[in-house]
Every structure is written in C-alpha cells, then in structure tokens.
C-alpha cells in the first residue's frame, strides 16, 4: 500500500478495531507536500461522488496547510476579496464555450 496522509485519530480507530497500523510522523516539508496531495485526492473524490462530506476533508487539509505555512488569515481574505473584485466569483455559473481566454 502506498503511504497516505490520514486524519490524526485514524491509527487509534484502527487499533480499536483490532488492527495494527504502521504509521510514521511526516516532517514539515513532507507534510506540506502530503497536504497538497490530500487536497487533490479529496477533490477527485468530491468530483466523482458529489458528496459534501468531501468538502469537509478538503477544508480541513487546506486549514492545516495554511497553519503549517503560517499564512495570515486576514491577508488571505484580502487576496480573496481583491480577486473577487477584479475577476468576480463563480456565482453566475458562466462557462466558456471556446478556447478564447479573457
């Protein structure tokens, strides 16, 4: 089995169910990569299932990545708002129908 990042309590839950999980702790640089991989993994699961619970997993991975990177939430919100004002959001549902961009 390929290694994969799991939630903190998963090894404990496996043990409670009689399993013996092999786990290790990732260092900060590796954790950054693993969190980005987890976001992609969960996004793919959401794409195929449409299950809102996958969004919870995506958000948890994003929040952890932002903490790891010591990202300032106020600055991120400013960036989000600036981009929203300049380019808009996704609420209208516009879909480009050809290869032209902007």
C-alpha atoms as a PDB file:
ATOM      1  CA  UNK A   1       0.000   0.000   0.000  1.00  0.00           C
ATOM      2  CA  UNK A   2       1.234   3.450  -0.873  1.00  0.00           C
ATOM      3  CA  UNK A   3       1.706   5.806   2.041  1.00  0.00           C
ATOM      4  CA  UNK A   4      -1.005   8.392   2.521  1.00  0.00           C
ATOM      5  CA  UNK A   5      -1.801  11.116   4.976  1.00  0.00           C
ATOM      6  CA  UNK A   6      -4.704  10.279   7.287  1.00  0.00           C
ATOM      7  CA  UNK A   7      -6.559  12.163   9.962  1.00  0.00           C
ATOM      8  CA  UNK A   8      -4.902  12.186  13.397  1.00  0.00           C
ATOM      9  CA  UNK A   9      -7.270   9.715  15.040  1.00  0.00           C
ATOM     10  CA  UNK A  10      -7.325   7.113  12.237  1.00  0.00           C
ATOM     11  CA  UNK A  11      -4.453   4.989  13.654  1.00  0.00           C
ATOM     12  CA  UNK A  12      -6.205   4.912  17.042  1.00  0.00           C
ATOM     13  CA  UNK A  13      -9.511   3.924  15.426  1.00  0.00           C
ATOM     14  CA  UNK A  14      -7.780   1.115  13.506  1.00  0.00           C
ATOM     15  CA  UNK A  15      -6.240  -0.160  16.763  1.00  0.00           C
ATOM     16  CA  UNK A  16      -9.645  -0.053  18.488  1.00  0.00           C
ATOM     17  CA  UNK A  17     -10.947  -2.301  15.713  1.00  0.00           C
ATOM     18  CA  UNK A  18      -8.166  -4.854  16.223  1.00  0.00           C
ATOM     19  CA  UNK A  19      -5.768  -3.596  13.564  1.00  0.00           C
ATOM     20  CA  UNK A  20      -2.098  -2.803  13.903  1.00  0.00           C
ATOM     21  CA  UNK A  21      -1.420   0.202  11.644  1.00  0.00           C
ATOM     22  CA  UNK A  22       2.111   1.086  10.625  1.00  0.00           C
ATOM     23  CA  UNK A  23       2.462   4.843  10.953  1.00  0.00           C
ATOM     24  CA  UNK A  24       5.165   7.469  10.998  1.00  0.00           C
ATOM     25  CA  UNK A  25       5.182  11.220  11.509  1.00  0.00           C
ATOM     26  CA  UNK A  26       5.934  13.437   8.499  1.00  0.00           C
ATOM     27  CA  UNK A  27       8.283  16.367   8.845  1.00  0.00           C
ATOM     28  CA  UNK A  28       7.087  19.897   7.958  1.00  0.00           C
ATOM     29  CA  UNK A  29       8.400  19.930   4.364  1.00  0.00           C
ATOM     30  CA  UNK A  30       6.981  16.495   3.638  1.00  0.00           C
ATOM     31  CA  UNK A  31       3.715  17.375   5.363  1.00  0.00           C
ATOM     32  CA  UNK A  32       3.321  20.369   3.050  1.00  0.00           C
ATOM     33  CA  UNK A  33       3.513  18.057   0.021  1.00  0.00           C
ATOM     34  CA  UNK A  34       1.281  15.415   1.630  1.00  0.00           C
ATOM     35  CA  UNK A  35      -1.381  18.011   2.421  1.00  0.00           C
ATOM     36  CA  UNK A  36      -1.362  19.238  -1.182  1.00  0.00           C
ATOM     37  CA  UNK A  37      -1.720  15.635  -2.357  1.00  0.00           C
ATOM     38  CA  UNK A  38      -4.579  15.120   0.144  1.00  0.00           C
ATOM     39  CA  UNK A  39      -6.398  18.173  -1.222  1.00  0.00           C
ATOM     40  CA  UNK A  40      -6.161  16.779  -4.762  1.00  0.00           C
ATOM     41  CA  UNK A  41      -7.212  13.294  -3.588  1.00  0.00           C
ATOM     42  CA  UNK A  42     -10.262  14.633  -1.763  1.00  0.00           C
ATOM     43  CA  UNK A  43     -11.142  16.960  -4.657  1.00  0.00           C
ATOM     44  CA  UNK A  44     -11.145  13.971  -7.026  1.00  0.00           C
ATOM     45  CA  UNK A  45     -13.366  12.052  -4.617  1.00  0.00           C
ATOM     46  CA  UNK A  46     -15.721  15.035  -4.495  1.00  0.00           C
ATOM     47  CA  UNK A  47     -15.710  15.305  -8.288  1.00  0.00           C
ATOM     48  CA  UNK A  48     -16.907  11.733  -8.666  1.00  0.00           C
ATOM     49  CA  UNK A  49     -19.181  11.418  -5.620  1.00  0.00           C
ATOM     50  CA  UNK A  50     -20.564  14.939  -5.245  1.00  0.00           C
ATOM     51  CA  UNK A  51     -20.687  14.184  -1.503  1.00  0.00           C
ATOM     52  CA  UNK A  52     -20.473  17.394   0.544  1.00  0.00           C
ATOM     53  CA  UNK A  53     -18.545  15.499   3.229  1.00  0.00           C
ATOM     54  CA  UNK A  54     -15.553  15.511   0.885  1.00  0.00           C
ATOM     55  CA  UNK A  55     -15.589  19.324   1.073  1.00  0.00           C
ATOM     56  CA  UNK A  56     -15.088  18.996   4.830  1.00  0.00           C
ATOM     57  CA  UNK A  57     -11.956  16.921   4.216  1.00  0.00           C
ATOM     58  CA  UNK A  58     -10.699  19.425   1.648  1.00  0.00           C
ATOM     59  CA  UNK A  59     -11.283  22.326   4.043  1.00  0.00           C
ATOM     60  CA  UNK A  60      -9.511  20.512   6.894  1.00  0.00           C
ATOM     61  CA  UNK A  61      -6.476  19.845   4.694  1.00  0.00           C
ATOM     62  CA  UNK A  62      -6.441  23.467   3.497  1.00  0.00           C
ATOM     63  CA  UNK A  63      -6.722  24.819   7.044  1.00  0.00           C
ATOM     64  CA  UNK A  64      -3.862  22.588   8.204  1.00  0.00           C
ATOM     65  CA  UNK A  65      -1.707  23.623   5.238  1.00  0.00           C
ATOM     66  CA  UNK A  66      -2.333  27.302   5.947  1.00  0.00           C
ATOM     67  CA  UNK A  67      -1.356  26.815   9.622  1.00  0.00           C
ATOM     68  CA  UNK A  68       1.765  24.902   8.592  1.00  0.00           C
ATOM     69  CA  UNK A  69       2.748  27.754   6.279  1.00  0.00           C
ATOM     70  CA  UNK A  70       1.874  30.321   8.977  1.00  0.00           C
ATOM     71  CA  UNK A  71      -0.387  32.082   6.479  1.00  0.00           C
ATOM     72  CA  UNK A  72      -2.112  35.194   7.790  1.00  0.00           C
ATOM     73  CA  UNK A  73      -5.897  34.657   7.524  1.00  0.00           C
ATOM     74  CA  UNK A  74      -6.532  38.393   7.165  1.00  0.00           C
ATOM     75  CA  UNK A  75      -4.071  38.639   4.271  1.00  0.00           C
ATOM     76  CA  UNK A  76      -5.631  35.614   2.582  1.00  0.00           C
ATOM     77  CA  UNK A  77      -9.079  37.175   2.919  1.00  0.00           C
ATOM     78  CA  UNK A  78      -7.728  40.408   1.430  1.00  0.00           C
ATOM     79  CA  UNK A  79      -6.299  38.455  -1.518  1.00  0.00           C
ATOM     80  CA  UNK A  80      -9.593  36.598  -1.970  1.00  0.00           C
ATOM     81  CA  UNK A  81     -11.602  39.813  -1.859  1.00  0.00           C
ATOM     82  CA  UNK A  82      -9.223  41.614  -4.248  1.00  0.00           C
ATOM     83  CA  UNK A  83      -9.519  38.761  -6.741  1.00  0.00           C
ATOM     84  CA  UNK A  84     -13.302  38.728  -6.307  1.00  0.00           C
ATOM     85  CA  UNK A  85     -13.498  42.444  -7.124  1.00  0.00           C
ATOM     86  CA  UNK A  86     -11.135  42.176 -10.098  1.00  0.00           C
ATOM     87  CA  UNK A  87     -12.386  38.930 -11.667  1.00  0.00           C
ATOM     88  CA  UNK A  88     -15.640  38.122  -9.917  1.00  0.00           C
ATOM     89  CA  UNK A  89     -16.708  34.904  -8.227  1.00  0.00           C
ATOM     90  CA  UNK A  90     -18.371  31.802  -9.583  1.00  0.00           C
ATOM     91  CA  UNK A  91     -21.977  32.535  -8.604  1.00  0.00           C
ATOM     92  CA  UNK A  92     -23.231  33.312 -12.120  1.00  0.00           C
ATOM     93  CA  UNK A  93     -22.087  29.966 -13.492  1.00  0.00           C
ATOM     94  CA  UNK A  94     -20.504  31.282 -16.692  1.00  0.00           C
ATOM     95  CA  UNK A  95     -18.948  28.562 -18.840  1.00  0.00           C
ATOM     96  CA  UNK A  96     -16.583  29.447 -21.696  1.00  0.00           C
ATOM     97  CA  UNK A  97     -17.559  27.557 -24.803  1.00  0.00           C
ATOM     98  CA  UNK A  98     -14.419  28.012 -26.917  1.00  0.00           C
ATOM     99  CA  UNK A  99     -10.662  28.230 -26.446  1.00  0.00           C
ATOM    100  CA  UNK A 100     -10.601  32.030 -26.083  1.00  0.00           C
ATOM    101  CA  UNK A 101      -9.487  33.260 -22.670  1.00  0.00           C
ATOM    102  CA  UNK A 102     -10.418  36.676 -21.326  1.00  0.00           C
END
